[in-house]
PDB file of N, CA and C in Angstrom:
ATOM      1  N   MET A   1       0.654  -1.341   0.073  1.00  0.00           N
ATOM      2  CA  MET A   1       0.106  -0.269   0.031  1.00  0.00           C
ATOM      3  C   MET A   1       0.730   1.268   0.007  1.00  0.00           C
ATOM      4  N   VAL A   2       0.411   2.317  -0.961  1.00  0.00           N
ATOM      5  CA  VAL A   2       1.153   3.457  -0.903  1.00  0.00           C
ATOM      6  C   VAL A   2       0.800   4.296   0.321  1.00  0.00           C
ATOM      7  N   VAL A   3       1.598   4.889   1.173  1.00  0.00           N
ATOM      8  CA  VAL A   3       1.486   5.539   2.150  1.00  0.00           C
ATOM      9  C   VAL A   3       1.795   7.202   2.094  1.00  0.00           C
ATOM     10  N   LEU A   4       2.181   7.428   1.240  1.00  0.00           N
ATOM     11  CA  LEU A   4       2.313   8.963   0.862  1.00  0.00           C
ATOM     12  C   LEU A   4       1.302   9.557   0.338  1.00  0.00           C
ATOM     13  N   PRO A   5       0.588  10.581   0.694  1.00  0.00           N
ATOM     14  CA  PRO A   5      -0.493  11.294  -0.175  1.00  0.00           C
ATOM     15  C   PRO A   5      -0.153  11.879  -1.257  1.00  0.00           C
ATOM     16  N   LYS A   6      -1.127  11.636  -2.295  1.00  0.00           N
ATOM     17  CA  LYS A   6      -0.849  12.182  -3.457  1.00  0.00           C
ATOM     18  C   LYS A   6      -0.789  13.696  -3.570  1.00  0.00           C
ATOM     19  N   LYS A   7      -0.005  14.246  -4.512  1.00  0.00           N
ATOM     20  CA  LYS A   7       0.019  15.548  -4.576  1.00  0.00           C
ATOM     21  C   LYS A   7      -0.636  16.161  -5.496  1.00  0.00           C
ATOM     22  N   GLY A   8      -1.193  17.398  -5.460  1.00  0.00           N
ATOM     23  CA  GLY A   8      -2.150  17.947  -6.469  1.00  0.00           C
ATOM     24  C   GLY A   8      -3.389  17.788  -6.334  1.00  0.00           C
ATOM     25  N   HIS A   9      -4.261  17.814  -7.261  1.00  0.00           N
ATOM     26  CA  HIS A   9      -5.924  17.685  -7.153  1.00  0.00           C
ATOM     27  C   HIS A   9      -6.141  16.075  -6.780  1.00  0.00           C
ATOM     28  N   ARG A  10      -6.928  15.773  -5.849  1.00  0.00           N
ATOM     29  CA  ARG A  10      -7.265  14.405  -5.694  1.00  0.00           C
ATOM     30  C   ARG A  10      -8.698  14.331  -5.804  1.00  0.00           C
ATOM     31  N   SER A  11      -9.064  13.021  -6.218  1.00  0.00           N
ATOM     32  CA  SER A  11     -10.558  12.945  -6.361  1.00  0.00           C
ATOM     33  C   SER A  11     -11.070  12.395  -4.942  1.00  0.00           C
ATOM     34  N   ALA A  12     -12.475  12.216  -5.118  1.00  0.00           N
ATOM     35  CA  ALA A  12     -13.258  11.819  -3.853  1.00  0.00           C
ATOM     36  C   ALA A  12     -12.687  10.654  -3.452  1.00  0.00           C
ATOM     37  N   ASP A  13     -12.445   9.564  -4.088  1.00  0.00           N
ATOM     38  CA  ASP A  13     -11.936   8.339  -3.631  1.00  0.00           C
ATOM     39  C   ASP A  13     -10.752   8.355  -3.085  1.00  0.00           C
ATOM     40  N   GLU A  14      -9.892   9.126  -3.509  1.00  0.00           N
ATOM     41  CA  GLU A  14      -8.457   9.407  -3.006  1.00  0.00           C
ATOM     42  C   GLU A  14      -8.450  10.234  -1.678  1.00  0.00           C
ATOM     43  N   LYS A  15      -9.392  11.284  -1.594  1.00  0.00           N
ATOM     44  CA  LYS A  15      -9.225  11.897  -0.213  1.00  0.00           C
ATOM     45  C   LYS A  15      -9.917  10.716   0.755  1.00  0.00           C
ATOM     46  N   ALA A  16     -10.993   9.954   0.317  1.00  0.00           N
ATOM     47  CA  ALA A  16     -11.353   9.098   1.385  1.00  0.00           C
ATOM     48  C   ALA A  16     -10.479   8.145   1.772  1.00  0.00           C
ATOM     49  N   ARG A  17      -9.588   7.706   0.857  1.00  0.00           N
ATOM     50  CA  ARG A  17      -8.548   6.435   1.201  1.00  0.00           C
ATOM     51  C   ARG A  17      -7.471   7.183   1.887  1.00  0.00           C
ATOM     52  N   GLU A  18      -7.168   8.348   1.702  1.00  0.00           N
ATOM     53  CA  GLU A  18      -6.182   9.149   2.443  1.00  0.00           C
ATOM     54  C   GLU A  18      -6.661   9.472   3.889  1.00  0.00           C
ATOM     55  N   SER A  19      -7.769   9.549   4.317  1.00  0.00           N
ATOM     56  CA  SER A  19      -8.355   9.989   5.418  1.00  0.00           C
ATOM     57  C   SER A  19      -8.766   8.686   6.544  1.00  0.00           C
ATOM     58  N   THR A  20      -8.415   7.591   5.847  1.00  0.00           N
ATOM     59  CA  THR A  20      -8.720   6.211   6.732  1.00  0.00           C
ATOM     60  C   THR A  20      -7.804   6.041   7.822  1.00  0.00           C
ATOM     61  N   SER A  21      -7.928   5.310   8.924  1.00  0.00           N
ATOM     62  CA  SER A  21      -7.243   5.269   9.905  1.00  0.00           C
ATOM     63  C   SER A  21      -6.010   4.536   9.593  1.00  0.00           C
ATOM     64  N   GLU A  22      -6.127   3.539   8.826  1.00  0.00           N
ATOM     65  CA  GLU A  22      -5.051   2.622   8.290  1.00  0.00           C
ATOM     66  C   GLU A  22      -3.961   3.355   7.505  1.00  0.00           C
ATOM     67  N   PHE A  23      -4.630   4.221   6.575  1.00  0.00           N
ATOM     68  CA  PHE A  23      -3.600   5.176   5.990  1.00  0.00           C
ATOM     69  C   PHE A  23      -2.711   6.150   6.838  1.00  0.00           C
ATOM     70  N   MET A  24      -3.486   6.616   7.800  1.00  0.00           N
ATOM     71  CA  MET A  24      -2.708   7.620   8.699  1.00  0.00           C
ATOM     72  C   MET A  24      -1.972   6.925   9.405  1.00  0.00           C
ATOM     73  N   HIS A  25      -2.021   5.704  10.119  1.00  0.00           N
ATOM     74  CA  HIS A  25      -1.329   4.749  10.790  1.00  0.00           C
ATOM     75  C   HIS A  25      -0.188   4.616  10.018  1.00  0.00           C
ATOM     76  N   LEU A  26      -0.209   3.997   8.851  1.00  0.00           N
ATOM     77  CA  LEU A  26       0.815   3.449   8.018  1.00  0.00           C
ATOM     78  C   LEU A  26       1.713   4.992   7.609  1.00  0.00           C
ATOM     79  N   ARG A  27       1.252   6.105   7.518  1.00  0.00           N
ATOM     80  CA  ARG A  27       1.839   7.229   7.221  1.00  0.00           C
ATOM     81  C   ARG A  27       2.887   7.678   8.449  1.00  0.00           C
ATOM     82  N   HIS A  28       2.240   7.288   9.566  1.00  0.00           N
ATOM     83  CA  HIS A  28       3.129   7.625  10.728  1.00  0.00           C
ATOM     84  C   HIS A  28       4.190   6.871  10.833  1.00  0.00           C
ATOM     85  N   GLN A  29       4.113   5.552  10.631  1.00  0.00           N
ATOM     86  CA  GLN A  29       5.057   4.575  10.569  1.00  0.00           C
ATOM     87  C   GLN A  29       5.998   4.881   9.452  1.00  0.00           C
ATOM     88  N   HIS A  30       5.792   5.575   8.406  1.00  0.00           N
ATOM     89  CA  HIS A  30       6.741   5.856   7.304  1.00  0.00           C
ATOM     90  C   HIS A  30       7.479   6.960   7.588  1.00  0.00           C
ATOM     91  N   SER A  31       6.973   7.924   8.580  1.00  0.00           N
ATOM     92  CA  SER A  31       7.843   8.784   9.147  1.00  0.00           C
ATOM     93  C   SER A  31       8.816   8.458  10.119  1.00  0.00           C
ATOM     94  N   ALA A  32       8.342   7.487  10.994  1.00  0.00           N
ATOM     95  CA  ALA A  32       9.445   6.830  11.709  1.00  0.00           C
ATOM     96  C   ALA A  32      10.419   6.252  11.031  1.00  0.00           C
ATOM     97  N   VAL A  33      10.290   5.457  10.081  1.00  0.00           N
ATOM     98  CA  VAL A  33      11.264   4.871   9.340  1.00  0.00           C
ATOM     99  C   VAL A  33      12.247   5.808   8.578  1.00  0.00           C
ATOM    100  N   GLU A  34      11.655   6.924   8.124  1.00  0.00           N
ATOM    101  CA  GLU A  34      12.658   8.075   7.747  1.00  0.00           C
ATOM    102  C   GLU A  34      13.522   8.484   8.860  1.00  0.00           C
ATOM    103  N   SER A  35      13.031   8.724   9.984  1.00  0.00           N
ATOM    104  CA  SER A  35      13.827   9.305  10.897  1.00  0.00           C
ATOM    105  C   SER A  35      14.693   8.148  11.304  1.00  0.00           C
ATOM    106  N   ALA A  36      14.461   7.046  11.367  1.00  0.00           N
ATOM    107  CA  ALA A  36      15.583   5.919  11.587  1.00  0.00           C
ATOM    108  C   ALA A  36      16.611   5.723  10.477  1.00  0.00           C
ATOM    109  N   ILE A  37      16.417   6.162   9.427  1.00  0.00           N
ATOM    110  CA  ILE A  37      17.330   6.041   8.267  1.00  0.00           C
ATOM    111  C   ILE A  37      18.089   7.300   8.373  1.00  0.00           C
ATOM    112  N   ASN A  38      17.489   8.294   8.841  1.00  0.00           N
ATOM    113  CA  ASN A  38      18.512   9.668   8.961  1.00  0.00           C
ATOM    114  C   ASN A  38      19.533   9.406  10.242  1.00  0.00           C
ATOM    115  N   ALA A  39      18.995   8.812  11.331  1.00  0.00           N
ATOM    116  CA  ALA A  39      19.991   8.728  12.433  1.00  0.00           C
ATOM    117  C   ALA A  39      20.914   7.617  11.840  1.00  0.00           C
ATOM    118  N   LEU A  40      20.830   6.495  10.997  1.00  0.00           N
ATOM    119  CA  LEU A  40      21.692   5.711  10.678  1.00  0.00           C
ATOM    120  C   LEU A  40      22.778   6.486   9.834  1.00  0.00           C
ATOM    121  N   GLU A  41      22.325   7.437   8.742  1.00  0.00           N
ATOM    122  CA  GLU A  41      23.181   8.251   8.084  1.00  0.00           C
ATOM    123  C   GLU A  41      24.029   9.155   8.946  1.00  0.00           C
ATOM    124  N   GLN A  42      23.445   9.645  10.093  1.00  0.00           N
ATOM    125  CA  GLN A  42      24.405  10.427  10.797  1.00  0.00           C
ATOM    126  C   GLN A  42      25.288   9.630  11.659  1.00  0.00           C
ATOM    127  N   HIS A  43      25.143   8.216  11.706  1.00  0.00           N
ATOM    128  CA  HIS A  43      26.139   7.453  12.486  1.00  0.00           C
ATOM    129  C   HIS A  43      26.815   6.444  11.748  1.00  0.00           C
ATOM    130  N   GLY A  44      27.381   6.919  10.317  1.00  0.00           N
ATOM    131  CA  GLY A  44      28.050   6.322   9.532  1.00  0.00           C
ATOM    132  C   GLY A  44      27.652   5.726   8.146  1.00  0.00           C
ATOM    133  N   LEU A  45      26.179   5.508   8.120  1.00  0.00           N
ATOM    134  CA  LEU A  45      25.795   4.929   6.927  1.00  0.00           C
ATOM    135  C   LEU A  45      25.140   5.932   5.921  1.00  0.00           C
ATOM    136  N   ASP A  46      26.240   6.613   5.268  1.00  0.00           N
ATOM    137  CA  ASP A  46      25.941   7.524   4.197  1.00  0.00           C
ATOM    138  C   ASP A  46      26.477   7.107   2.904  1.00  0.00           C
ATOM    139  N   ILE A  47      27.690   6.750   2.548  1.00  0.00           N
ATOM    140  CA  ILE A  47      28.160   6.287   1.383  1.00  0.00           C
ATOM    141  C   ILE A  47      29.150   5.077   1.786  1.00  0.00           C
ATOM    142  N   CYS A  48      28.637   3.922   1.072  1.00  0.00           N
ATOM    143  CA  CYS A  48      29.373   2.654   1.293  1.00  0.00           C
ATOM    144  C   CYS A  48      30.572   2.547   0.635  1.00  0.00           C
ATOM    145  N   PRO A  49      31.868   2.601   1.507  1.00  0.00           N
ATOM    146  CA  PRO A  49      32.949   2.393   0.499  1.00  0.00           C
ATOM    147  C   PRO A  49      33.291   0.990   0.240  1.00  0.00           C
ATOM    148  N   ASP A  50      32.669  -0.014   0.877  1.00  0.00           N
ATOM    149  CA  ASP A  50      32.982  -1.383   0.763  1.00  0.00           C
ATOM    150  C   ASP A  50      32.357  -1.692  -0.728  1.00  0.00           C
ATOM    151  N   HIS A  51      32.812  -2.968  -1.479  1.00  0.00           N
ATOM    152  CA  HIS A  51      32.393  -3.453  -2.588  1.00  0.00           C
ATOM    153  C   HIS A  51      31.521  -4.707  -2.346  1.00  0.00           C
ATOM    154  N   GLY A  52      30.582  -4.934  -3.111  1.00  0.00           N
ATOM    155  CA  GLY A  52      29.711  -6.078  -3.289  1.00  0.00           C
ATOM    156  C   GLY A  52      28.672  -6.079  -1.755  1.00  0.00           C
ATOM    157  N   ILE A  53      27.864  -7.073  -2.155  1.00  0.00           N
ATOM    158  CA  ILE A  53      26.745  -7.278  -1.151  1.00  0.00           C
ATOM    159  C   ILE A  53      27.252  -7.416  -0.077  1.00  0.00           C
ATOM    160  N   THR A  54      28.097  -8.511   0.064  1.00  0.00           N
ATOM    161  CA  THR A  54      28.742  -8.667   1.671  1.00  0.00           C
ATOM    162  C   THR A  54      29.339  -7.365   2.239  1.00  0.00           C
ATOM    163  N   GLY A  55      30.000  -6.462   1.597  1.00  0.00           N
ATOM    164  CA  GLY A  55      30.615  -5.494   2.257  1.00  0.00           C
ATOM    165  C   GLY A  55      29.348  -4.541   2.493  1.00  0.00           C
ATOM    166  N   PHE A  56      28.355  -4.243   1.680  1.00  0.00           N
ATOM    167  CA  PHE A  56      27.316  -3.584   2.025  1.00  0.00           C
ATOM    168  C   PHE A  56      26.569  -4.056   3.204  1.00  0.00           C
ATOM    169  N   LYS A  57      26.397  -5.443   3.295  1.00  0.00           N
ATOM    170  CA  LYS A  57      25.567  -5.895   4.679  1.00  0.00           C
ATOM    171  C   LYS A  57      26.506  -5.463   5.889  1.00  0.00           C
ATOM    172  N   ARG A  58      27.802  -5.640   5.777  1.00  0.00           N
ATOM    173  CA  ARG A  58      28.599  -5.350   6.835  1.00  0.00           C
ATOM    174  C   ARG A  58      28.541  -4.119   7.183  1.00  0.00           C
ATOM    175  N   TYR A  59      28.655  -3.100   6.153  1.00  0.00           N
ATOM    176  CA  TYR A  59      28.458  -1.756   6.467  1.00  0.00           C
ATOM    177  C   TYR A  59      27.320  -1.272   7.120  1.00  0.00           C
ATOM    178  N   VAL A  60      26.241  -1.947   6.830  1.00  0.00           N
ATOM    179  CA  VAL A  60      24.895  -1.644   7.303  1.00  0.00           C
ATOM    180  C   VAL A  60      24.559  -2.111   8.723  1.00  0.00           C
ATOM    181  N   ALA A  61      25.045  -3.220   8.874  1.00  0.00           N
ATOM    182  CA  ALA A  61      25.205  -3.857  10.484  1.00  0.00           C
ATOM    183  C   ALA A  61      26.146  -2.890  11.215  1.00  0.00           C
ATOM    184  N   MET A  62      27.269  -2.369  10.817  1.00  0.00           N
ATOM    185  CA  MET A  62      27.998  -1.733  11.731  1.00  0.00           C
ATOM    186  C   MET A  62      27.273  -0.395  11.841  1.00  0.00           C
ATOM    187  N   ALA A  63      26.578   0.167  11.004  1.00  0.00           N
ATOM    188  CA  ALA A  63      25.954   1.496  11.196  1.00  0.00           C
ATOM    189  C   ALA A  63      24.785   1.188  12.139  1.00  0.00           C
ATOM    190  N   VAL A  64      24.207   0.070  12.370  1.00  0.00           N
ATOM    191  CA  VAL A  64      23.163  -0.259  13.245  1.00  0.00           C
ATOM    192  C   VAL A  64      23.797  -0.422  14.513  1.00  0.00           C
ATOM    193  N   LEU A  65      24.700  -1.078  14.550  1.00  0.00           N
ATOM    194  CA  LEU A  65      25.439  -1.227  15.872  1.00  0.00           C
ATOM    195  C   LEU A  65      25.830   0.107  16.527  1.00  0.00           C
ATOM    196  N   ALA A  66      26.557   1.013  15.592  1.00  0.00           N
ATOM    197  CA  ALA A  66      26.817   2.340  16.270  1.00  0.00           C
ATOM    198  C   ALA A  66      25.569   3.288  16.803  1.00  0.00           C
ATOM    199  N   ARG A  67      24.552   3.102  15.930  1.00  0.00           N
ATOM    200  CA  ARG A  67      23.244   4.024  16.531  1.00  0.00           C
ATOM    201  C   ARG A  67      22.776   3.177  17.666  1.00  0.00           C
ATOM    202  N   ASN A  68      22.737   1.907  17.850  1.00  0.00           N
ATOM    203  CA  ASN A  68      22.373   0.972  19.123  1.00  0.00           C
ATOM    204  C   ASN A  68      23.246   1.553  20.068  1.00  0.00           C
ATOM    205  N   ILE A  69      24.603   1.606  20.048  1.00  0.00           N
ATOM    206  CA  ILE A  69      25.396   1.895  21.248  1.00  0.00           C
ATOM    207  C   ILE A  69      25.145   3.595  21.353  1.00  0.00           C
ATOM    208  N   HIS A  70      25.111   4.133  20.356  1.00  0.00           N
ATOM    209  CA  HIS A  70      24.602   5.697  20.782  1.00  0.00           C
ATOM    210  C   HIS A  70      23.335   5.802  21.553  1.00  0.00           C
ATOM    211  N   ARG A  71      22.408   5.165  21.158  1.00  0.00           N
ATOM    212  CA  ARG A  71      20.962   5.236  22.052  1.00  0.00           C
ATOM    213  C   ARG A  71      20.931   4.740  23.389  1.00  0.00           C
ATOM    214  N   LEU A  72      21.827   3.552  23.467  1.00  0.00           N
ATOM    215  CA  LEU A  72      21.968   3.157  24.847  1.00  0.00           C
ATOM    216  C   LEU A  72      22.899   4.115  25.738  1.00  0.00           C
ATOM    217  N   GLY A  73      23.817   4.585  25.261  1.00  0.00           N
ATOM    218  CA  GLY A  73      24.713   5.611  25.947  1.00  0.00           C
ATOM    219  C   GLY A  73      23.645   6.748  26.524  1.00  0.00           C
ATOM    220  N   ALA A  74      22.648   6.953  25.306  1.00  0.00           N
ATOM    221  CA  ALA A  74      21.891   8.166  25.837  1.00  0.00           C
ATOM    222  C   ALA A  74      20.781   7.819  27.090  1.00  0.00           C
ATOM    223  N   VAL A  75      20.504   6.781  27.075  1.00  0.00           N
ATOM    224  CA  VAL A  75      19.465   6.077  27.952  1.00  0.00           C
ATOM    225  C   VAL A  75      20.331   5.929  29.273  1.00  0.00           C
ATOM    226  N   LEU A  76      21.405   5.645  29.349  1.00  0.00           N
ATOM    227  CA  LEU A  76      22.385   5.420  30.568  1.00  0.00           C
ATOM    228  C   LEU A  76      22.424   6.712  31.277  1.00  0.00           C
ATOM    229  N   MET A  77      22.783   7.803  30.306  1.00  0.00           N
ATOM    230  CA  MET A  77      23.242   9.122  30.824  1.00  0.00           C
ATOM    231  C   MET A  77      21.902   9.677  31.377  1.00  0.00           C
ATOM    232  N   THR A  78      20.842   9.581  30.941  1.00  0.00           N
ATOM    233  CA  THR A  78      19.500   9.963  31.649  1.00  0.00           C
ATOM    234  C   THR A  78      19.045   9.243  32.751  1.00  0.00           C
ATOM    235  N   GLN A  79      19.391   7.925  32.940  1.00  0.00           N
ATOM    236  CA  GLN A  79      19.279   7.163  33.927  1.00  0.00           C
ATOM    237  C   GLN A  79      20.097   7.614  35.327  1.00  0.00           C
ATOM    238  N   GLN A  80      21.493   8.029  34.898  1.00  0.00           N
ATOM    239  CA  GLN A  80      22.199   8.620  35.868  1.00  0.00           C
ATOM    240  C   GLN A  80      21.907   9.877  36.427  1.00  0.00           C
ATOM    241  N   ALA A  81      21.429  10.830  35.496  1.00  0.00           N
ATOM    242  CA  ALA A  81      21.090  12.091  35.714  1.00  0.00           C
ATOM    243  C   ALA A  81      19.689  12.020  36.756  1.00  0.00           C
ATOM    244  N   GLU A  82      18.932  11.115  36.416  1.00  0.00           N
ATOM    245  CA  GLU A  82      17.779  10.876  37.225  1.00  0.00           C
ATOM    246  C   GLU A  82      17.980  10.355  38.519  1.00  0.00           C
ATOM    247  N   GLN A  83      19.059   9.658  38.737  1.00  0.00           N
ATOM    248  CA  GLN A  83      19.579   8.959  40.072  1.00  0.00           C
ATOM    249  C   GLN A  83      20.260  10.376  40.840  1.00  0.00           C
ATOM    250  N   ARG A  84      21.237  10.810  40.201  1.00  0.00           N
ATOM    251  CA  ARG A  84      21.544  12.097  40.888  1.00  0.00           C
ATOM    252  C   ARG A  84      20.608  13.085  41.424  1.00  0.00           C
ATOM    253  N   CYS A  85      19.606  13.371  40.785  1.00  0.00           N
ATOM    254  CA  CYS A  85      18.441  14.096  41.129  1.00  0.00           C
ATOM    255  C   CYS A  85      17.624  13.540  42.406  1.00  0.00           C
ATOM    256  N   ILE A  86      17.609  12.364  42.627  1.00  0.00           N
ATOM    257  CA  ILE A  86      17.027  11.677  43.414  1.00  0.00           C
ATOM    258  C   ILE A  86      17.873  11.835  44.917  1.00  0.00           C
ATOM    259  N   TYR A  87      19.191  11.380  44.561  1.00  0.00           N
ATOM    260  CA  TYR A  87      20.193  11.652  45.729  1.00  0.00           C
ATOM    261  C   TYR A  87      20.246  13.004  46.313  1.00  0.00           C
ATOM    262  N   ARG A  88      20.041  14.031  45.545  1.00  0.00           N
ATOM    263  CA  ARG A  88      20.112  15.455  46.063  1.00  0.00           C
ATOM    264  C   ARG A  88      18.827  15.667  46.893  1.00  0.00           C
ATOM    265  N   LYS A  89      17.749  15.280  46.431  1.00  0.00           N
ATOM    266  CA  LYS A  89      16.556  15.462  47.115  1.00  0.00           C
ATOM    267  C   LYS A  89      16.430  14.733  48.412  1.00  0.00           C
ATOM    268  N   ALA A  90      17.022  13.850  48.396  1.00  0.00           N
ATOM    269  CA  ALA A  90      17.106  12.800  49.653  1.00  0.00           C
ATOM    270  C   ALA A  90      17.989  13.331  50.600  1.00  0.00           C
ATOM    271  N   ALA A  91      19.119  13.999  50.433  1.00  0.00           N
ATOM    272  CA  ALA A  91      19.976  14.432  51.111  1.00  0.00           C
ATOM    273  C   ALA A  91      19.596  15.912  51.860  1.00  0.00           C
TER     274      ALA A  91
END
């Protein structure tokens, strides 16, 4: 199913299809995928210097790993900041 809305003039059928809850849900998921792709590009997945499908798969795996490590670090930093705040209130 195409989840991007049609540009320009739309027929009544197209307007009805684009206003369904399923279409809206899929469109929001598409935005999340675009966001994830952008995050991967920021963490190394921009231009693949490796050759062949094996090199490309390795390159993508490393970019996903780098993004996950970055995200885990952000979560840990948030948890530590919350713990420091709790300790300060208790003292």
